N, C-alpha and C. Protein backbone atom coordinates (compact mmCIF):
# COMPACT_ATOMS: atom_id res chain seq x y z
N MET A 1 49.33 -17.38 -44.55
CA MET A 1 49.25 -17.06 -43.20
C MET A 1 48.90 -15.53 -42.98
N GLU A 2 49.49 -14.75 -43.87
CA GLU A 2 49.28 -13.26 -43.85
C GLU A 2 47.86 -12.92 -43.95
N GLU A 3 47.11 -13.69 -44.79
CA GLU A 3 45.69 -13.47 -44.99
C GLU A 3 44.85 -13.59 -43.71
N PHE A 4 45.28 -14.61 -42.93
CA PHE A 4 44.52 -14.76 -41.64
C PHE A 4 44.91 -13.74 -40.58
N LEU A 5 46.21 -13.33 -40.55
CA LEU A 5 46.63 -12.31 -39.61
C LEU A 5 45.94 -10.97 -39.91
N LYS A 6 45.54 -10.71 -41.13
CA LYS A 6 44.73 -9.54 -41.45
C LYS A 6 43.40 -9.58 -40.92
N LYS A 7 42.83 -10.88 -40.93
CA LYS A 7 41.45 -11.06 -40.40
C LYS A 7 41.44 -11.12 -38.88
N TYR A 8 42.57 -11.53 -38.25
CA TYR A 8 42.66 -11.69 -36.77
C TYR A 8 43.93 -10.93 -36.26
N PRO A 9 44.01 -9.65 -36.51
CA PRO A 9 45.25 -8.89 -36.17
C PRO A 9 45.63 -8.98 -34.68
N LEU A 10 44.72 -9.08 -33.81
CA LEU A 10 44.94 -9.07 -32.41
C LEU A 10 45.60 -10.37 -31.93
N LEU A 11 45.67 -11.41 -32.78
CA LEU A 11 46.28 -12.64 -32.41
C LEU A 11 47.66 -12.82 -33.01
N LYS A 12 48.23 -11.78 -33.62
CA LYS A 12 49.48 -11.87 -34.27
C LYS A 12 50.61 -12.26 -33.39
N ASN A 13 50.51 -12.03 -32.13
CA ASN A 13 51.53 -12.37 -31.11
C ASN A 13 51.22 -13.55 -30.29
N HIS A 14 50.22 -14.34 -30.71
CA HIS A 14 49.76 -15.40 -29.90
C HIS A 14 50.11 -16.85 -30.47
N ASN A 15 50.93 -16.82 -31.49
CA ASN A 15 51.40 -18.12 -32.05
C ASN A 15 50.32 -19.05 -32.47
N VAL A 16 49.30 -18.53 -33.19
CA VAL A 16 48.15 -19.27 -33.62
C VAL A 16 48.53 -19.93 -34.99
N SER A 17 48.33 -21.19 -35.18
CA SER A 17 48.63 -21.80 -36.40
C SER A 17 47.64 -21.55 -37.50
N ARG A 18 48.11 -21.84 -38.75
CA ARG A 18 47.18 -21.70 -39.88
C ARG A 18 46.00 -22.54 -39.81
N GLU A 19 46.21 -23.77 -39.33
CA GLU A 19 45.13 -24.82 -39.21
C GLU A 19 44.07 -24.27 -38.26
N THR A 20 44.55 -23.60 -37.15
CA THR A 20 43.59 -23.10 -36.13
C THR A 20 42.77 -22.02 -36.81
N PHE A 21 43.32 -21.12 -37.50
CA PHE A 21 42.55 -19.99 -38.20
C PHE A 21 41.54 -20.68 -39.09
N ILE A 22 41.90 -21.71 -39.92
CA ILE A 22 40.99 -22.34 -40.83
C ILE A 22 39.81 -22.94 -40.09
N THR A 23 40.07 -23.49 -38.90
CA THR A 23 39.00 -24.05 -38.06
C THR A 23 38.12 -22.91 -37.54
N PHE A 24 38.74 -21.86 -37.11
CA PHE A 24 37.95 -20.71 -36.57
C PHE A 24 37.00 -20.31 -37.69
N GLU A 25 37.41 -20.24 -38.89
CA GLU A 25 36.51 -19.80 -39.98
C GLU A 25 35.33 -20.77 -40.24
N SER A 26 35.64 -22.08 -40.08
CA SER A 26 34.63 -23.07 -40.22
C SER A 26 33.58 -22.93 -39.12
N PHE A 27 34.08 -22.72 -37.91
CA PHE A 27 33.17 -22.49 -36.81
C PHE A 27 32.29 -21.28 -37.00
N ILE A 28 32.88 -20.20 -37.46
CA ILE A 28 32.00 -19.03 -37.75
C ILE A 28 30.94 -19.32 -38.75
N THR A 29 31.18 -20.07 -39.78
CA THR A 29 30.20 -20.41 -40.77
C THR A 29 29.04 -21.22 -40.13
N MET A 30 29.42 -22.11 -39.21
CA MET A 30 28.40 -22.92 -38.53
C MET A 30 27.57 -22.08 -37.58
N LEU A 31 28.29 -21.16 -36.90
CA LEU A 31 27.57 -20.25 -35.94
C LEU A 31 26.67 -19.35 -36.64
N GLN A 32 27.05 -18.73 -37.77
CA GLN A 32 26.10 -17.82 -38.49
C GLN A 32 24.90 -18.59 -39.06
N LYS A 33 25.13 -19.75 -39.55
CA LYS A 33 24.04 -20.51 -40.10
C LYS A 33 23.03 -20.91 -39.03
N LYS A 34 23.52 -21.36 -37.89
CA LYS A 34 22.60 -21.76 -36.84
C LYS A 34 21.95 -20.53 -36.16
N ASN A 35 22.61 -19.37 -36.23
CA ASN A 35 22.12 -18.15 -35.56
C ASN A 35 20.89 -17.67 -36.35
N GLU A 36 20.72 -18.08 -37.56
CA GLU A 36 19.52 -17.70 -38.33
C GLU A 36 18.30 -18.49 -37.87
N GLU A 37 18.56 -19.66 -37.27
CA GLU A 37 17.47 -20.46 -36.70
C GLU A 37 17.13 -20.12 -35.28
N ILE A 38 18.18 -20.02 -34.44
CA ILE A 38 17.98 -19.76 -33.03
C ILE A 38 18.93 -18.66 -32.61
N ASN A 39 18.64 -17.99 -31.55
CA ASN A 39 19.41 -16.85 -31.13
C ASN A 39 20.56 -17.32 -30.16
N ILE A 40 21.73 -17.61 -30.90
CA ILE A 40 22.92 -18.02 -30.19
C ILE A 40 23.71 -16.82 -29.71
N ILE A 41 23.99 -15.92 -30.68
CA ILE A 41 24.55 -14.59 -30.30
C ILE A 41 23.63 -13.55 -30.89
N SER A 42 23.80 -12.35 -30.41
CA SER A 42 22.88 -11.27 -30.91
C SER A 42 23.11 -11.00 -32.37
N LYS A 43 22.01 -10.52 -33.03
CA LYS A 43 22.12 -10.25 -34.42
C LYS A 43 23.13 -9.12 -34.68
N GLU A 44 23.35 -8.24 -33.76
CA GLU A 44 24.24 -7.10 -33.98
C GLU A 44 25.73 -7.66 -33.94
N THR A 45 26.01 -8.81 -33.31
CA THR A 45 27.37 -9.30 -33.30
C THR A 45 27.61 -10.44 -34.26
N ALA A 46 26.61 -10.71 -35.13
CA ALA A 46 26.64 -11.88 -36.06
C ALA A 46 27.39 -11.64 -37.30
N LYS A 47 27.83 -10.47 -37.55
CA LYS A 47 28.65 -10.18 -38.74
C LYS A 47 30.03 -10.80 -38.57
N ILE A 48 30.62 -11.29 -39.68
CA ILE A 48 31.79 -12.04 -39.58
C ILE A 48 32.92 -11.24 -38.90
N GLU A 49 33.13 -10.00 -39.25
CA GLU A 49 34.22 -9.22 -38.68
C GLU A 49 33.99 -9.06 -37.12
N VAL A 50 32.79 -8.85 -36.76
CA VAL A 50 32.45 -8.69 -35.30
C VAL A 50 32.70 -9.95 -34.54
N ILE A 51 32.32 -11.09 -35.16
CA ILE A 51 32.53 -12.40 -34.51
C ILE A 51 33.96 -12.64 -34.31
N ARG A 52 34.80 -12.35 -35.31
CA ARG A 52 36.24 -12.55 -35.20
C ARG A 52 36.81 -11.78 -34.04
N GLU A 53 36.50 -10.55 -33.86
CA GLU A 53 37.05 -9.72 -32.76
C GLU A 53 36.41 -9.93 -31.45
N ARG A 54 35.04 -9.78 -31.40
CA ARG A 54 34.36 -9.82 -30.16
C ARG A 54 34.28 -11.22 -29.53
N HIS A 55 34.23 -12.24 -30.35
CA HIS A 55 34.13 -13.60 -29.89
C HIS A 55 35.47 -14.40 -30.01
N ILE A 56 35.95 -14.53 -31.21
CA ILE A 56 37.13 -15.44 -31.38
C ILE A 56 38.33 -14.87 -30.78
N GLU A 57 38.77 -13.61 -31.10
CA GLU A 57 40.00 -13.09 -30.53
C GLU A 57 39.86 -12.87 -29.02
N ASP A 58 38.67 -12.46 -28.64
CA ASP A 58 38.50 -12.21 -27.12
C ASP A 58 38.65 -13.45 -26.39
N CYS A 59 38.05 -14.61 -26.87
CA CYS A 59 38.12 -15.86 -26.13
C CYS A 59 39.53 -16.49 -26.27
N ALA A 60 40.21 -16.38 -27.43
CA ALA A 60 41.45 -17.00 -27.72
C ALA A 60 42.57 -16.55 -26.69
N GLN A 61 42.53 -15.27 -26.22
CA GLN A 61 43.52 -14.75 -25.40
C GLN A 61 43.59 -15.45 -24.09
N ALA A 62 42.48 -16.17 -23.69
CA ALA A 62 42.53 -16.81 -22.40
C ALA A 62 43.47 -18.06 -22.38
N ILE A 63 43.93 -18.48 -23.53
CA ILE A 63 44.72 -19.71 -23.62
C ILE A 63 46.02 -19.46 -22.81
N GLU A 64 46.46 -18.26 -22.58
CA GLU A 64 47.66 -17.98 -21.85
C GLU A 64 47.55 -18.24 -20.34
N LEU A 65 46.30 -18.31 -19.89
CA LEU A 65 45.97 -18.55 -18.45
C LEU A 65 45.58 -19.90 -18.14
N ILE A 66 45.29 -20.72 -19.14
CA ILE A 66 44.78 -22.07 -18.89
C ILE A 66 45.91 -23.06 -18.48
N ASP A 67 45.64 -23.89 -17.54
CA ASP A 67 46.57 -24.88 -17.11
C ASP A 67 46.53 -26.03 -18.22
N LEU A 68 47.47 -26.00 -18.98
CA LEU A 68 47.56 -26.95 -20.17
C LEU A 68 47.94 -28.41 -19.84
N ASN A 69 48.18 -28.59 -18.44
CA ASN A 69 48.42 -29.98 -18.01
C ASN A 69 47.11 -30.59 -17.47
N SER A 70 46.00 -29.85 -17.55
CA SER A 70 44.74 -30.34 -17.06
C SER A 70 44.21 -31.47 -17.83
N ASN A 71 43.63 -32.55 -17.24
CA ASN A 71 42.95 -33.60 -17.90
C ASN A 71 41.56 -32.97 -18.41
N ILE A 72 41.00 -32.19 -17.54
CA ILE A 72 39.67 -31.58 -17.88
C ILE A 72 39.73 -30.06 -17.68
N ILE A 73 39.12 -29.37 -18.60
CA ILE A 73 38.97 -27.90 -18.53
C ILE A 73 37.39 -27.78 -18.63
N THR A 74 36.88 -26.90 -17.73
CA THR A 74 35.42 -26.75 -17.63
C THR A 74 34.95 -25.30 -18.09
N ASP A 75 34.10 -25.28 -19.03
CA ASP A 75 33.48 -24.04 -19.54
C ASP A 75 32.11 -23.94 -19.01
N ILE A 76 31.80 -22.99 -18.14
CA ILE A 76 30.52 -22.84 -17.48
C ILE A 76 29.63 -21.85 -18.24
N GLY A 77 28.42 -22.36 -18.56
CA GLY A 77 27.55 -21.50 -19.36
C GLY A 77 28.10 -21.22 -20.70
N SER A 78 28.42 -22.26 -21.44
CA SER A 78 29.10 -22.18 -22.71
C SER A 78 28.36 -21.44 -23.85
N GLY A 79 27.03 -21.55 -23.81
CA GLY A 79 26.22 -20.84 -24.86
C GLY A 79 26.54 -21.35 -26.24
N GLY A 80 27.07 -20.50 -27.07
CA GLY A 80 27.47 -20.82 -28.44
C GLY A 80 28.79 -21.44 -28.50
N GLY A 81 29.51 -21.70 -27.39
CA GLY A 81 30.86 -22.26 -27.38
C GLY A 81 31.97 -21.25 -27.15
N MET A 82 31.59 -20.13 -26.60
CA MET A 82 32.57 -19.05 -26.25
C MET A 82 32.69 -19.03 -24.77
N PRO A 83 33.81 -19.40 -24.23
CA PRO A 83 35.11 -19.57 -24.87
C PRO A 83 35.46 -21.07 -25.16
N GLY A 84 34.64 -22.00 -24.66
CA GLY A 84 35.03 -23.44 -24.69
C GLY A 84 35.39 -24.01 -26.03
N VAL A 85 34.58 -23.78 -27.08
CA VAL A 85 34.87 -24.25 -28.37
C VAL A 85 36.12 -23.59 -28.96
N ILE A 86 36.33 -22.39 -28.78
CA ILE A 86 37.47 -21.59 -29.24
C ILE A 86 38.75 -22.20 -28.69
N ILE A 87 38.70 -22.39 -27.35
CA ILE A 87 39.85 -23.00 -26.66
C ILE A 87 40.15 -24.42 -27.10
N SER A 88 39.10 -25.22 -27.36
CA SER A 88 39.22 -26.60 -27.73
C SER A 88 39.81 -26.63 -29.22
N ILE A 89 39.46 -25.73 -30.01
CA ILE A 89 40.04 -25.68 -31.40
C ILE A 89 41.58 -25.36 -31.24
N MET A 90 41.91 -24.50 -30.39
CA MET A 90 43.30 -24.17 -30.27
C MET A 90 44.10 -25.36 -29.59
N LEU A 91 43.54 -26.04 -28.60
CA LEU A 91 44.20 -27.21 -28.05
C LEU A 91 44.36 -28.32 -29.04
N LYS A 92 43.38 -28.53 -29.83
CA LYS A 92 43.46 -29.61 -30.91
C LYS A 92 44.68 -29.37 -31.74
N ASN A 93 44.89 -28.14 -32.25
CA ASN A 93 46.01 -27.82 -33.09
C ASN A 93 47.29 -27.67 -32.36
N MET A 94 47.29 -27.67 -31.01
CA MET A 94 48.52 -27.68 -30.31
C MET A 94 48.84 -29.13 -29.91
N LYS A 95 47.97 -30.08 -30.33
CA LYS A 95 48.22 -31.47 -30.02
C LYS A 95 48.03 -31.73 -28.53
N ASN A 96 47.21 -30.90 -27.82
CA ASN A 96 47.01 -31.06 -26.42
C ASN A 96 45.82 -31.96 -26.23
N SER A 97 45.91 -32.89 -25.21
CA SER A 97 44.89 -33.87 -25.01
C SER A 97 43.82 -33.53 -23.98
N SER A 98 43.82 -32.33 -23.49
CA SER A 98 42.84 -31.92 -22.40
C SER A 98 41.46 -32.01 -23.04
N LYS A 99 40.47 -32.49 -22.23
CA LYS A 99 39.11 -32.51 -22.67
C LYS A 99 38.41 -31.38 -22.09
N ILE A 100 37.55 -30.67 -22.86
CA ILE A 100 36.78 -29.56 -22.36
C ILE A 100 35.29 -29.97 -22.10
N HIS A 101 34.85 -29.79 -20.84
CA HIS A 101 33.51 -30.04 -20.52
C HIS A 101 32.67 -28.75 -20.72
N LEU A 102 31.73 -28.74 -21.61
CA LEU A 102 30.89 -27.59 -21.90
C LEU A 102 29.58 -27.65 -21.16
N TYR A 103 29.36 -26.85 -20.17
CA TYR A 103 28.06 -26.84 -19.45
C TYR A 103 27.11 -25.86 -20.05
N GLU A 104 25.98 -26.41 -20.58
CA GLU A 104 25.03 -25.49 -21.19
C GLU A 104 23.64 -26.19 -21.03
N LYS A 105 22.72 -25.54 -20.28
CA LYS A 105 21.45 -26.17 -19.99
C LYS A 105 20.42 -26.11 -21.12
N SER A 106 20.58 -25.18 -22.08
CA SER A 106 19.72 -25.01 -23.17
C SER A 106 19.82 -26.18 -24.12
N HIS A 107 18.66 -26.84 -24.47
CA HIS A 107 18.65 -27.99 -25.37
C HIS A 107 19.21 -27.57 -26.74
N HIS A 108 18.71 -26.49 -27.26
CA HIS A 108 19.13 -26.05 -28.65
C HIS A 108 20.57 -25.70 -28.74
N LYS A 109 21.07 -25.02 -27.77
CA LYS A 109 22.53 -24.62 -27.74
C LYS A 109 23.39 -25.84 -27.51
N SER A 110 22.92 -26.80 -26.63
CA SER A 110 23.70 -28.02 -26.41
C SER A 110 23.77 -28.84 -27.70
N ALA A 111 22.63 -28.90 -28.50
CA ALA A 111 22.66 -29.63 -29.74
C ALA A 111 23.62 -29.01 -30.72
N PHE A 112 23.63 -27.67 -30.72
CA PHE A 112 24.60 -27.00 -31.63
C PHE A 112 25.99 -27.31 -31.26
N LEU A 113 26.29 -27.33 -29.94
CA LEU A 113 27.66 -27.60 -29.50
C LEU A 113 28.08 -29.01 -29.85
N ARG A 114 27.16 -29.96 -29.71
CA ARG A 114 27.44 -31.36 -30.12
C ARG A 114 27.79 -31.40 -31.63
N ASN A 115 27.02 -30.73 -32.45
CA ASN A 115 27.25 -30.77 -33.89
C ASN A 115 28.62 -30.17 -34.20
N VAL A 116 28.91 -29.07 -33.55
CA VAL A 116 30.19 -28.42 -33.81
C VAL A 116 31.40 -29.29 -33.44
N SER A 117 31.23 -29.91 -32.24
CA SER A 117 32.30 -30.73 -31.70
C SER A 117 32.53 -31.95 -32.62
N ARG A 118 31.40 -32.48 -33.14
CA ARG A 118 31.48 -33.61 -34.02
C ARG A 118 32.17 -33.25 -35.38
N ASP A 119 31.67 -32.18 -35.96
CA ASP A 119 32.15 -31.77 -37.28
C ASP A 119 33.57 -31.24 -37.27
N LEU A 120 33.94 -30.62 -36.18
CA LEU A 120 35.33 -30.10 -36.12
C LEU A 120 36.30 -31.04 -35.40
N GLN A 121 35.69 -32.19 -34.92
CA GLN A 121 36.47 -33.23 -34.23
C GLN A 121 37.19 -32.70 -32.99
N LEU A 122 36.38 -32.11 -32.16
CA LEU A 122 37.02 -31.52 -30.94
C LEU A 122 36.88 -32.50 -29.78
N ASN A 123 37.84 -32.34 -28.83
CA ASN A 123 37.81 -33.21 -27.65
C ASN A 123 37.01 -32.53 -26.49
N THR A 124 35.70 -32.65 -26.65
CA THR A 124 34.76 -32.03 -25.73
C THR A 124 33.74 -33.03 -25.21
N GLU A 125 33.08 -32.60 -24.13
CA GLU A 125 31.94 -33.41 -23.68
C GLU A 125 30.85 -32.37 -23.34
N ILE A 126 29.67 -32.52 -23.92
CA ILE A 126 28.64 -31.47 -23.74
C ILE A 126 27.75 -31.95 -22.52
N MET A 127 27.66 -31.07 -21.49
CA MET A 127 26.93 -31.33 -20.32
C MET A 127 25.63 -30.54 -20.37
N GLN A 128 24.55 -31.14 -20.81
CA GLN A 128 23.27 -30.45 -20.90
C GLN A 128 22.57 -30.52 -19.55
N GLU A 129 23.05 -29.64 -18.63
CA GLU A 129 22.47 -29.70 -17.28
C GLU A 129 22.73 -28.32 -16.63
N ASN A 130 22.08 -28.07 -15.51
CA ASN A 130 22.25 -26.90 -14.71
C ASN A 130 23.51 -27.04 -13.81
N ILE A 131 24.53 -26.28 -14.10
CA ILE A 131 25.80 -26.44 -13.38
C ILE A 131 25.61 -26.29 -11.87
N PHE A 132 24.64 -25.50 -11.42
CA PHE A 132 24.35 -25.21 -10.04
C PHE A 132 23.87 -26.53 -9.32
N GLU A 133 23.38 -27.53 -10.11
CA GLU A 133 22.84 -28.76 -9.56
C GLU A 133 23.89 -29.87 -9.55
N ALA A 134 25.03 -29.63 -10.17
CA ALA A 134 26.12 -30.61 -10.28
C ALA A 134 26.95 -30.58 -9.06
N GLN A 135 27.40 -31.71 -8.54
CA GLN A 135 28.13 -31.78 -7.29
C GLN A 135 29.47 -32.54 -7.45
N ASN A 136 30.40 -32.17 -6.60
CA ASN A 136 31.68 -32.84 -6.47
C ASN A 136 32.45 -32.87 -7.82
N LEU A 137 32.38 -31.76 -8.55
CA LEU A 137 33.04 -31.73 -9.80
C LEU A 137 34.58 -31.57 -9.66
N GLU A 138 35.30 -32.12 -10.62
CA GLU A 138 36.76 -32.00 -10.63
C GLU A 138 37.19 -31.40 -11.95
N SER A 139 38.09 -30.50 -11.87
CA SER A 139 38.55 -29.83 -13.08
C SER A 139 40.01 -29.27 -12.88
N GLY A 140 40.61 -29.04 -13.97
CA GLY A 140 41.87 -28.24 -13.97
C GLY A 140 41.35 -26.79 -14.00
N THR A 141 41.54 -26.12 -15.10
CA THR A 141 41.06 -24.77 -15.26
C THR A 141 39.49 -24.74 -15.40
N ILE A 142 38.85 -23.73 -14.71
CA ILE A 142 37.45 -23.51 -14.97
C ILE A 142 37.43 -22.09 -15.63
N ILE A 143 36.57 -21.97 -16.62
CA ILE A 143 36.51 -20.72 -17.35
C ILE A 143 35.05 -20.32 -17.62
N ALA A 144 34.75 -19.02 -17.62
CA ALA A 144 33.38 -18.63 -17.90
C ALA A 144 33.46 -17.21 -18.44
N ARG A 145 32.53 -16.93 -19.38
CA ARG A 145 32.54 -15.62 -20.05
C ARG A 145 31.06 -15.15 -20.09
N ALA A 146 30.77 -14.05 -19.39
CA ALA A 146 29.50 -13.47 -19.39
C ALA A 146 28.42 -14.41 -18.98
N PHE A 147 28.68 -15.14 -17.84
CA PHE A 147 27.76 -16.09 -17.32
C PHE A 147 27.00 -15.52 -16.05
N LYS A 148 27.80 -15.43 -14.96
CA LYS A 148 27.21 -14.93 -13.69
C LYS A 148 28.18 -13.88 -13.12
N PRO A 149 27.66 -13.04 -12.17
CA PRO A 149 28.59 -12.06 -11.55
C PRO A 149 29.66 -12.81 -10.68
N LEU A 150 30.66 -12.06 -10.49
CA LEU A 150 31.88 -12.64 -9.76
C LEU A 150 31.57 -13.35 -8.44
N PRO A 151 30.76 -12.75 -7.51
CA PRO A 151 30.48 -13.45 -6.20
C PRO A 151 29.77 -14.76 -6.42
N ILE A 152 28.90 -14.78 -7.37
CA ILE A 152 28.11 -16.10 -7.65
C ILE A 152 29.04 -17.13 -8.22
N MET A 153 30.05 -16.69 -9.06
CA MET A 153 31.01 -17.62 -9.65
C MET A 153 31.88 -18.17 -8.54
N LEU A 154 32.28 -17.36 -7.67
CA LEU A 154 33.19 -17.80 -6.56
C LEU A 154 32.41 -18.84 -5.61
N ASP A 155 31.14 -18.57 -5.38
CA ASP A 155 30.35 -19.37 -4.57
C ASP A 155 30.10 -20.74 -5.27
N LEU A 156 29.86 -20.70 -6.58
CA LEU A 156 29.63 -21.91 -7.37
C LEU A 156 30.88 -22.77 -7.32
N VAL A 157 32.01 -22.22 -7.50
CA VAL A 157 33.26 -23.03 -7.56
C VAL A 157 33.51 -23.65 -6.13
N CYS A 158 33.24 -22.86 -5.16
CA CYS A 158 33.49 -23.38 -3.76
C CYS A 158 32.54 -24.56 -3.39
N LYS A 159 31.31 -24.40 -3.81
CA LYS A 159 30.33 -25.38 -3.40
C LYS A 159 30.19 -26.63 -4.29
N ASN A 160 30.43 -26.41 -5.57
CA ASN A 160 30.18 -27.46 -6.56
C ASN A 160 31.42 -28.15 -7.07
N PHE A 161 32.61 -27.61 -6.85
CA PHE A 161 33.86 -28.26 -7.31
C PHE A 161 34.66 -28.76 -6.09
N SER A 162 34.95 -30.08 -6.15
CA SER A 162 35.81 -30.62 -5.04
C SER A 162 37.24 -30.40 -5.28
N SER A 163 37.60 -30.15 -6.51
CA SER A 163 39.06 -29.78 -6.86
C SER A 163 39.08 -28.98 -8.17
N TYR A 164 40.01 -28.03 -8.21
CA TYR A 164 40.22 -27.19 -9.45
C TYR A 164 41.60 -26.53 -9.32
N LYS A 165 42.09 -26.08 -10.46
CA LYS A 165 43.41 -25.45 -10.44
C LYS A 165 43.26 -23.89 -10.44
N ASN A 166 42.41 -23.40 -11.35
CA ASN A 166 42.21 -21.96 -11.38
C ASN A 166 40.92 -21.63 -12.04
N LEU A 167 40.44 -20.42 -11.87
CA LEU A 167 39.18 -19.89 -12.43
C LEU A 167 39.50 -18.66 -13.27
N ILE A 168 39.11 -18.74 -14.55
CA ILE A 168 39.33 -17.57 -15.39
C ILE A 168 37.97 -16.93 -15.75
N LEU A 169 37.91 -15.56 -15.46
CA LEU A 169 36.73 -14.83 -15.74
C LEU A 169 36.98 -13.64 -16.64
N PHE A 170 36.11 -13.24 -17.50
CA PHE A 170 36.26 -12.08 -18.33
C PHE A 170 35.49 -10.92 -17.66
N MET A 171 36.28 -9.81 -17.29
CA MET A 171 35.69 -8.73 -16.58
C MET A 171 35.60 -7.51 -17.50
N GLY A 172 34.47 -6.79 -17.37
CA GLY A 172 34.14 -5.65 -18.20
C GLY A 172 34.65 -4.30 -17.53
N LYS A 173 34.01 -3.24 -18.06
CA LYS A 173 34.52 -1.85 -17.62
C LYS A 173 34.33 -1.61 -16.12
N ASN A 174 33.32 -2.31 -15.49
CA ASN A 174 33.10 -2.16 -14.09
C ASN A 174 33.87 -3.21 -13.21
N GLY A 175 34.76 -3.91 -13.90
CA GLY A 175 35.50 -5.02 -13.24
C GLY A 175 36.18 -4.66 -12.02
N GLU A 176 36.87 -3.50 -12.01
CA GLU A 176 37.62 -3.03 -10.89
C GLU A 176 36.76 -2.80 -9.66
N THR A 177 35.65 -2.22 -9.84
CA THR A 177 34.67 -1.94 -8.73
C THR A 177 34.15 -3.26 -8.18
N ILE A 178 33.76 -4.15 -9.11
CA ILE A 178 33.18 -5.48 -8.73
C ILE A 178 34.21 -6.26 -7.94
N LEU A 179 35.46 -6.26 -8.44
CA LEU A 179 36.54 -6.95 -7.67
C LEU A 179 36.77 -6.39 -6.31
N GLU A 180 36.73 -5.08 -6.12
CA GLU A 180 36.91 -4.51 -4.84
C GLU A 180 35.80 -4.85 -3.84
N LYS A 181 34.59 -4.77 -4.33
CA LYS A 181 33.46 -5.11 -3.52
C LYS A 181 33.40 -6.60 -3.08
N THR A 182 33.68 -7.44 -4.08
CA THR A 182 33.75 -8.84 -3.83
C THR A 182 34.85 -9.23 -2.77
N SER A 183 35.91 -8.57 -2.78
CA SER A 183 36.98 -8.80 -1.87
C SER A 183 36.58 -8.60 -0.43
N ALA A 184 35.48 -7.88 -0.14
CA ALA A 184 35.03 -7.70 1.19
C ALA A 184 34.46 -9.03 1.77
N ASP A 185 34.02 -9.93 0.92
CA ASP A 185 33.42 -11.14 1.44
C ASP A 185 34.17 -12.37 1.08
N TRP A 186 35.15 -12.29 0.18
CA TRP A 186 35.91 -13.44 -0.32
C TRP A 186 37.40 -13.23 -0.27
N ASP A 187 38.12 -14.24 0.12
CA ASP A 187 39.57 -14.29 0.04
C ASP A 187 39.94 -15.15 -1.26
N PHE A 188 40.83 -14.58 -2.02
CA PHE A 188 41.33 -15.36 -3.19
C PHE A 188 42.50 -14.65 -3.79
N ASP A 189 43.41 -15.47 -4.34
CA ASP A 189 44.61 -15.00 -5.06
C ASP A 189 44.19 -14.69 -6.42
N PHE A 190 44.71 -13.64 -7.08
CA PHE A 190 44.34 -13.40 -8.42
C PHE A 190 45.43 -12.59 -9.13
N GLU A 191 45.41 -12.72 -10.42
CA GLU A 191 46.19 -11.86 -11.34
C GLU A 191 45.32 -11.31 -12.43
N LYS A 192 45.62 -10.20 -12.87
CA LYS A 192 44.83 -9.52 -14.00
C LYS A 192 45.65 -9.54 -15.24
N LYS A 193 44.95 -9.72 -16.38
CA LYS A 193 45.53 -9.74 -17.71
C LYS A 193 44.75 -8.71 -18.55
N GLU A 194 45.36 -7.71 -18.94
CA GLU A 194 44.67 -6.72 -19.80
C GLU A 194 44.07 -7.37 -21.08
N SER A 195 42.83 -7.01 -21.38
CA SER A 195 42.26 -7.67 -22.58
C SER A 195 42.86 -7.04 -23.86
N ILE A 196 42.99 -7.87 -24.86
CA ILE A 196 43.53 -7.33 -26.13
C ILE A 196 42.45 -6.82 -27.01
N THR A 197 41.13 -6.99 -26.59
CA THR A 197 40.07 -6.41 -27.41
C THR A 197 39.45 -5.14 -26.85
N SER A 198 39.80 -4.82 -25.61
CA SER A 198 39.17 -3.61 -25.00
C SER A 198 40.04 -3.11 -23.87
N LYS A 199 40.41 -1.89 -23.93
CA LYS A 199 41.27 -1.27 -22.87
C LYS A 199 40.55 -1.15 -21.57
N ASP A 200 39.23 -1.23 -21.58
CA ASP A 200 38.45 -1.17 -20.35
C ASP A 200 38.15 -2.51 -19.71
N SER A 201 38.63 -3.62 -20.29
CA SER A 201 38.32 -4.95 -19.87
C SER A 201 39.66 -5.66 -19.50
N PHE A 202 39.44 -6.74 -18.70
CA PHE A 202 40.61 -7.57 -18.29
C PHE A 202 40.10 -8.98 -17.98
N LEU A 203 41.03 -9.90 -17.98
CA LEU A 203 40.84 -11.29 -17.61
C LEU A 203 41.30 -11.48 -16.20
N LEU A 204 40.58 -12.10 -15.44
CA LEU A 204 40.88 -12.42 -14.02
C LEU A 204 41.18 -13.85 -13.91
N ASN A 205 42.44 -14.10 -13.40
CA ASN A 205 42.92 -15.47 -13.09
C ASN A 205 42.91 -15.70 -11.57
N ILE A 206 42.02 -16.54 -11.13
CA ILE A 206 41.79 -16.67 -9.64
C ILE A 206 42.15 -18.03 -9.12
N LYS A 207 42.77 -18.13 -7.94
CA LYS A 207 43.07 -19.33 -7.28
C LYS A 207 42.80 -19.24 -5.79
N ASN A 208 42.69 -20.39 -5.20
CA ASN A 208 42.59 -20.44 -3.66
C ASN A 208 41.38 -19.69 -3.13
N ILE A 209 40.22 -19.99 -3.62
CA ILE A 209 38.98 -19.20 -3.17
C ILE A 209 38.50 -19.62 -1.84
N LYS A 210 38.19 -18.71 -0.94
CA LYS A 210 37.66 -19.03 0.39
C LYS A 210 36.68 -17.91 0.75
N LYS A 211 35.58 -18.31 1.27
CA LYS A 211 34.64 -17.26 1.87
C LYS A 211 35.18 -16.76 3.18
N LYS A 212 35.08 -15.47 3.33
CA LYS A 212 35.57 -14.92 4.60
C LYS A 212 34.65 -15.25 5.74
N ASN A 213 35.25 -15.50 6.85
CA ASN A 213 34.41 -15.78 8.06
C ASN A 213 34.14 -14.45 8.74
N LYS A 214 32.82 -14.14 8.75
CA LYS A 214 32.46 -12.78 9.36
C LYS A 214 32.14 -12.82 10.79
N ASN A 215 32.31 -14.06 11.42
CA ASN A 215 32.04 -14.20 12.87
C ASN A 215 33.01 -13.49 13.76
């Protein structure tokens, strides 16, 4: 176990099992191999040490905010599976039965997600479609990382989801300014969780989203 904690030092307090770390490593191998064929992540972040911190550790910290009693967890704009695949790997080794819906409109990335899910035996469903065209969606937790700006995400959840528990977003160094500006047009309850990978970033856990009536 010590060998994995050296590779993933930021997760030492997150109760991650040995089996989870092993599956993370398998996923990284698949990601690097596919990234040589198509651009899933940038070449600059494709080195194994960078993937571990920037992608795996960064995504894994969201597990603390996810409603683990959800039947469905929705990852919007999943791309290469961050954070949906990472969370699904963790849930599998926690013996949690939640299914993760991965929305990704790219054919090539969706095919990659299907292969990963099959090979790692993850409880996922790949939705190769434009999330903005989907209607009356139901979910427990909704999560997105580097997909669309905060106001667009709030509007999407309000218009396209008939029910949800919470929305988790990864906010960067301009997050506080964006949050303040967005609050002028939207009402929502939120809590902030400082990121373990960057002191300038935080995770935003949002509930009860409503557009303000300006009349």
